[in-house]
């Protein structure tokens, strides 16, 4: 018996066993991988050169590796995968049992309270003429912005809040 399966091979098994199309099977399987519902690893034949780029201990790029890159290097322990798969009735998957795949901030939480003093600080910086635009002021405060994301996405959130508070012209 094969001890490890590639992600693509496991995805094909999910399609056949649960009667899902490729995209639904991939979403279900990748969600299970992210939740560590079964034992996973990284392909030893492919990881040596790619590991630093795809699985860095500290990411050098803000966005990190794509899911497709990570999936191509993910291997799944065969027996733990089969044990996980037994929890689904054959050919009866409706999609209702497929949990969300993308990790996200819980609904009802917001960075609005944490952003408010920064928006005020942005306004002061722009009013004093230290920065010509909301974006440049937001970029100067990047280290103070709470939350995860790329510097661009964090700055964009702060600029959006600035525009909500002070209008497009900052008045």
C-alpha atoms as a PDB file:
ATOM      1  CA  UNK A   1       0.000   0.000   0.000  1.00  0.00           C
ATOM      2  CA  UNK A   2       1.164   3.530  -0.800  1.00  0.00           C
ATOM      3  CA  UNK A   3       2.011   5.422   2.366  1.00  0.00           C
ATOM      4  CA  UNK A   4       1.711   8.959   0.915  1.00  0.00           C
ATOM      5  CA  UNK A   5      -0.505  10.486  -1.787  1.00  0.00           C
ATOM      6  CA  UNK A   6       0.043  13.660  -3.775  1.00  0.00           C
ATOM      7  CA  UNK A   7      -2.591  16.374  -3.407  1.00  0.00           C
ATOM      8  CA  UNK A   8      -3.850  15.843  -6.991  1.00  0.00           C
ATOM      9  CA  UNK A   9      -4.230  12.093  -6.460  1.00  0.00           C
ATOM     10  CA  UNK A  10      -6.106  12.601  -3.183  1.00  0.00           C
ATOM     11  CA  UNK A  11      -8.329  15.141  -4.944  1.00  0.00           C
ATOM     12  CA  UNK A  12      -9.264  12.556  -7.595  1.00  0.00           C
ATOM     13  CA  UNK A  13     -10.205  10.073  -4.862  1.00  0.00           C
ATOM     14  CA  UNK A  14     -12.425  12.701  -3.209  1.00  0.00           C
ATOM     15  CA  UNK A  15     -14.127  13.385  -6.564  1.00  0.00           C
ATOM     16  CA  UNK A  16     -14.916   9.715  -7.136  1.00  0.00           C
ATOM     17  CA  UNK A  17     -15.872   8.811  -3.546  1.00  0.00           C
ATOM     18  CA  UNK A  18     -18.048  11.859  -2.892  1.00  0.00           C
ATOM     19  CA  UNK A  19     -19.286  12.601  -6.409  1.00  0.00           C
ATOM     20  CA  UNK A  20     -18.013  16.180  -6.387  1.00  0.00           C
ATOM     21  CA  UNK A  21     -16.747  18.182  -9.337  1.00  0.00           C
ATOM     22  CA  UNK A  22     -13.055  19.099  -9.421  1.00  0.00           C
ATOM     23  CA  UNK A  23     -13.375  22.553  -7.869  1.00  0.00           C
ATOM     24  CA  UNK A  24     -15.606  21.373  -4.994  1.00  0.00           C
ATOM     25  CA  UNK A  25     -13.352  18.377  -4.314  1.00  0.00           C
ATOM     26  CA  UNK A  26     -10.274  20.589  -4.302  1.00  0.00           C
ATOM     27  CA  UNK A  27     -11.945  23.108  -1.945  1.00  0.00           C
ATOM     28  CA  UNK A  28     -13.032  20.357   0.457  1.00  0.00           C
ATOM     29  CA  UNK A  29      -9.605  18.701   0.440  1.00  0.00           C
ATOM     30  CA  UNK A  30      -7.620  21.945   0.767  1.00  0.00           C
ATOM     31  CA  UNK A  31      -9.827  23.037   3.674  1.00  0.00           C
ATOM     32  CA  UNK A  32      -9.088  19.730   5.390  1.00  0.00           C
ATOM     33  CA  UNK A  33      -5.358  20.215   4.751  1.00  0.00           C
ATOM     34  CA  UNK A  34      -5.440  23.724   6.263  1.00  0.00           C
ATOM     35  CA  UNK A  35      -7.324  22.444   9.318  1.00  0.00           C
ATOM     36  CA  UNK A  36      -4.905  19.475   9.583  1.00  0.00           C
ATOM     37  CA  UNK A  37      -7.790  16.984   9.523  1.00  0.00           C
ATOM     38  CA  UNK A  38      -5.238  14.318   8.527  1.00  0.00           C
ATOM     39  CA  UNK A  39      -1.463  13.951   8.433  1.00  0.00           C
ATOM     40  CA  UNK A  40       0.311  15.928   5.729  1.00  0.00           C
ATOM     41  CA  UNK A  41       3.865  16.578   4.653  1.00  0.00           C
ATOM     42  CA  UNK A  42       5.845  18.046   1.797  1.00  0.00           C
ATOM     43  CA  UNK A  43       7.122  16.091  -1.167  1.00  0.00           C
ATOM     44  CA  UNK A  44      10.760  15.208  -0.387  1.00  0.00           C
ATOM     45  CA  UNK A  45      11.696  14.949  -4.073  1.00  0.00           C
ATOM     46  CA  UNK A  46      10.480  18.435  -4.933  1.00  0.00           C
ATOM     47  CA  UNK A  47      10.909  20.422  -1.753  1.00  0.00           C
ATOM     48  CA  UNK A  48      14.687  20.745  -1.512  1.00  0.00           C
ATOM     49  CA  UNK A  49      15.011  23.728  -3.895  1.00  0.00           C
ATOM     50  CA  UNK A  50      11.462  25.000  -3.714  1.00  0.00           C
ATOM     51  CA  UNK A  51      11.022  24.781   0.061  1.00  0.00           C
ATOM     52  CA  UNK A  52      12.641  28.118   0.861  1.00  0.00           C
ATOM     53  CA  UNK A  53      10.537  29.900  -1.744  1.00  0.00           C
ATOM     54  CA  UNK A  54       7.229  28.193  -0.964  1.00  0.00           C
ATOM     55  CA  UNK A  55       7.481  27.456   2.755  1.00  0.00           C
ATOM     56  CA  UNK A  56       9.831  30.082   4.175  1.00  0.00           C
ATOM     57  CA  UNK A  57      10.232  30.302   7.944  1.00  0.00           C
ATOM     58  CA  UNK A  58       9.704  34.032   7.520  1.00  0.00           C
ATOM     59  CA  UNK A  59       8.045  35.101   4.318  1.00  0.00           C
ATOM     60  CA  UNK A  60      10.057  37.526   2.228  1.00  0.00           C
ATOM     61  CA  UNK A  61       7.065  38.401   0.069  1.00  0.00           C
ATOM     62  CA  UNK A  62       3.975  39.998   1.604  1.00  0.00           C
ATOM     63  CA  UNK A  63       1.524  37.693  -0.129  1.00  0.00           C
ATOM     64  CA  UNK A  64       3.462  34.407   0.344  1.00  0.00           C
ATOM     65  CA  UNK A  65       3.167  31.354  -1.898  1.00  0.00           C
ATOM     66  CA  UNK A  66       0.005  30.633  -3.859  1.00  0.00           C
ATOM     67  CA  UNK A  67      -2.303  27.794  -2.876  1.00  0.00           C
ATOM     68  CA  UNK A  68      -1.505  26.065  -6.180  1.00  0.00           C
ATOM     69  CA  UNK A  69       2.218  26.083  -5.347  1.00  0.00           C
ATOM     70  CA  UNK A  70       1.575  24.796  -1.849  1.00  0.00           C
ATOM     71  CA  UNK A  71      -0.824  22.123  -3.120  1.00  0.00           C
ATOM     72  CA  UNK A  72       1.696  20.831  -5.657  1.00  0.00           C
ATOM     73  CA  UNK A  73       4.163  20.147  -2.832  1.00  0.00           C
ATOM     74  CA  UNK A  74       1.679  18.798  -0.291  1.00  0.00           C
ATOM     75  CA  UNK A  75       1.586  15.069   0.370  1.00  0.00           C
ATOM     76  CA  UNK A  76      -1.098  13.365   2.408  1.00  0.00           C
ATOM     77  CA  UNK A  77      -0.693  10.322   4.621  1.00  0.00           C
ATOM     78  CA  UNK A  78      -2.771   7.621   2.918  1.00  0.00           C
ATOM     79  CA  UNK A  79      -4.297   5.912   5.970  1.00  0.00           C
ATOM     80  CA  UNK A  80      -5.188   9.115   7.845  1.00  0.00           C
ATOM     81  CA  UNK A  81      -6.737  10.448   4.597  1.00  0.00           C
ATOM     82  CA  UNK A  82      -8.860   7.273   4.216  1.00  0.00           C
ATOM     83  CA  UNK A  83      -9.947   7.530   7.857  1.00  0.00           C
ATOM     84  CA  UNK A  84     -11.010  11.147   7.258  1.00  0.00           C
ATOM     85  CA  UNK A  85     -12.824  10.201   4.051  1.00  0.00           C
ATOM     86  CA  UNK A  86     -14.875   7.547   5.895  1.00  0.00           C
ATOM     87  CA  UNK A  87     -16.745  10.368   7.625  1.00  0.00           C
ATOM     88  CA  UNK A  88     -18.594  11.179   4.385  1.00  0.00           C
ATOM     89  CA  UNK A  89     -21.407   9.092   2.920  1.00  0.00           C
ATOM     90  CA  UNK A  90     -20.433   7.776  -0.543  1.00  0.00           C
ATOM     91  CA  UNK A  91     -21.711   9.887  -3.432  1.00  0.00           C
ATOM     92  CA  UNK A  92     -23.921  11.990  -1.154  1.00  0.00           C
ATOM     93  CA  UNK A  93     -21.824  15.123  -0.675  1.00  0.00           C
ATOM     94  CA  UNK A  94     -24.063  18.130  -1.167  1.00  0.00           C
ATOM     95  CA  UNK A  95     -21.570  20.795  -0.327  1.00  0.00           C
ATOM     96  CA  UNK A  96     -23.326  21.618   2.956  1.00  0.00           C
ATOM     97  CA  UNK A  97     -20.675  19.694   4.855  1.00  0.00           C
ATOM     98  CA  UNK A  98     -17.865  21.599   3.167  1.00  0.00           C
ATOM     99  CA  UNK A  99     -16.604  24.224   5.630  1.00  0.00           C
ATOM    100  CA  UNK A 100     -15.160  27.550   4.502  1.00  0.00           C
ATOM    101  CA  UNK A 101     -11.709  27.095   3.014  1.00  0.00           C
ATOM    102  CA  UNK A 102     -10.195  30.517   3.432  1.00  0.00           C
ATOM    103  CA  UNK A 103      -9.214  31.474   6.975  1.00  0.00           C
ATOM    104  CA  UNK A 104     -10.745  34.830   7.778  1.00  0.00           C
ATOM    105  CA  UNK A 105     -11.406  37.253  10.579  1.00  0.00           C
ATOM    106  CA  UNK A 106     -14.605  36.362  12.469  1.00  0.00           C
ATOM    107  CA  UNK A 107     -17.704  38.301  11.463  1.00  0.00           C
ATOM    108  CA  UNK A 108     -18.479  41.247  13.684  1.00  0.00           C
ATOM    109  CA  UNK A 109     -14.853  42.109  14.368  1.00  0.00           C
ATOM    110  CA  UNK A 110     -13.364  45.255  12.973  1.00  0.00           C
ATOM    111  CA  UNK A 111     -10.208  47.318  13.124  1.00  0.00           C
ATOM    112  CA  UNK A 112     -12.250  50.535  13.079  1.00  0.00           C
ATOM    113  CA  UNK A 113     -11.465  51.392  16.709  1.00  0.00           C
ATOM    114  CA  UNK A 114      -7.742  50.701  16.233  1.00  0.00           C
ATOM    115  CA  UNK A 115      -7.712  52.686  12.967  1.00  0.00           C
ATOM    116  CA  UNK A 116      -9.470  55.801  14.342  1.00  0.00           C
ATOM    117  CA  UNK A 117      -6.408  57.375  16.029  1.00  0.00           C
ATOM    118  CA  UNK A 118      -4.313  56.616  12.937  1.00  0.00           C
ATOM    119  CA  UNK A 119      -6.880  58.299  10.690  1.00  0.00           C
ATOM    120  CA  UNK A 120      -6.708  61.371  12.953  1.00  0.00           C
ATOM    121  CA  UNK A 121      -2.902  61.249  12.800  1.00  0.00           C
ATOM    122  CA  UNK A 122      -3.080  60.996   8.995  1.00  0.00           C
ATOM    123  CA  UNK A 123      -5.309  64.076   8.914  1.00  0.00           C
ATOM    124  CA  UNK A 124      -2.833  65.993  11.107  1.00  0.00           C
ATOM    125  CA  UNK A 125       0.114  64.978   8.893  1.00  0.00           C
ATOM    126  CA  UNK A 126      -1.704  66.067   5.734  1.00  0.00           C
ATOM    127  CA  UNK A 127      -2.983  69.315   7.320  1.00  0.00           C
ATOM    128  CA  UNK A 128       0.560  70.276   8.376  1.00  0.00           C
ATOM    129  CA  UNK A 129       1.759  69.602   4.830  1.00  0.00           C
ATOM    130  CA  UNK A 130       4.072  66.751   5.829  1.00  0.00           C
ATOM    131  CA  UNK A 131       2.441  64.420   3.292  1.00  0.00           C
ATOM    132  CA  UNK A 132       0.630  65.381   0.091  1.00  0.00           C
ATOM    133  CA  UNK A 133      -1.904  62.533   0.035  1.00  0.00           C
ATOM    134  CA  UNK A 134      -3.828  60.131   2.234  1.00  0.00           C
ATOM    135  CA  UNK A 135      -1.916  57.205   0.734  1.00  0.00           C
ATOM    136  CA  UNK A 136       1.515  58.660   1.504  1.00  0.00           C
ATOM    137  CA  UNK A 137       0.404  59.505   5.053  1.00  0.00           C
ATOM    138  CA  UNK A 138      -0.973  55.969   5.509  1.00  0.00           C
ATOM    139  CA  UNK A 139       2.268  54.431   4.219  1.00  0.00           C
ATOM    140  CA  UNK A 140       4.202  56.479   6.789  1.00  0.00           C
ATOM    141  CA  UNK A 141       2.095  54.867   9.538  1.00  0.00           C
ATOM    142  CA  UNK A 142       2.290  51.298   8.198  1.00  0.00           C
ATOM    143  CA  UNK A 143       4.091  49.925  11.266  1.00  0.00           C
ATOM    144  CA  UNK A 144       1.266  51.139  13.515  1.00  0.00           C
ATOM    145  CA  UNK A 145      -1.615  49.615  11.520  1.00  0.00           C
ATOM    146  CA  UNK A 146      -3.143  46.572  13.210  1.00  0.00           C
ATOM    147  CA  UNK A 147      -4.081  43.390  11.355  1.00  0.00           C
ATOM    148  CA  UNK A 148      -2.644  41.081   8.769  1.00  0.00           C
ATOM    149  CA  UNK A 149      -2.143  41.828   5.122  1.00  0.00           C
ATOM    150  CA  UNK A 150       0.272  43.355   2.697  1.00  0.00           C
ATOM    151  CA  UNK A 151       1.476  46.903   3.318  1.00  0.00           C
ATOM    152  CA  UNK A 152      -0.659  47.991   0.345  1.00  0.00           C
ATOM    153  CA  UNK A 153      -3.831  46.375   1.704  1.00  0.00           C
ATOM    154  CA  UNK A 154      -3.277  47.839   5.185  1.00  0.00           C
ATOM    155  CA  UNK A 155      -2.663  51.301   3.746  1.00  0.00           C
ATOM    156  CA  UNK A 156      -5.713  50.955   1.475  1.00  0.00           C
ATOM    157  CA  UNK A 157      -7.886  50.143   4.506  1.00  0.00           C
ATOM    158  CA  UNK A 158      -6.611  53.227   6.324  1.00  0.00           C
ATOM    159  CA  UNK A 159      -7.083  55.454   3.241  1.00  0.00           C
ATOM    160  CA  UNK A 160     -10.665  54.162   2.891  1.00  0.00           C
ATOM    161  CA  UNK A 161     -11.365  55.004   6.531  1.00  0.00           C
ATOM    162  CA  UNK A 162      -9.773  58.427   6.035  1.00  0.00           C
ATOM    163  CA  UNK A 163     -12.053  59.125   3.059  1.00  0.00           C
ATOM    164  CA  UNK A 164     -15.107  57.957   5.049  1.00  0.00           C
ATOM    165  CA  UNK A 165     -14.211  60.362   7.841  1.00  0.00           C
ATOM    166  CA  UNK A 166     -12.872  63.378   5.968  1.00  0.00           C
ATOM    167  CA  UNK A 167     -14.209  62.925   2.444  1.00  0.00           C
ATOM    168  CA  UNK A 168     -12.240  62.421  -0.739  1.00  0.00           C
ATOM    169  CA  UNK A 169     -10.557  65.821  -0.386  1.00  0.00           C
ATOM    170  CA  UNK A 170      -9.741  65.402   3.295  1.00  0.00           C
ATOM    171  CA  UNK A 171     -11.969  68.214   4.436  1.00  0.00           C
END
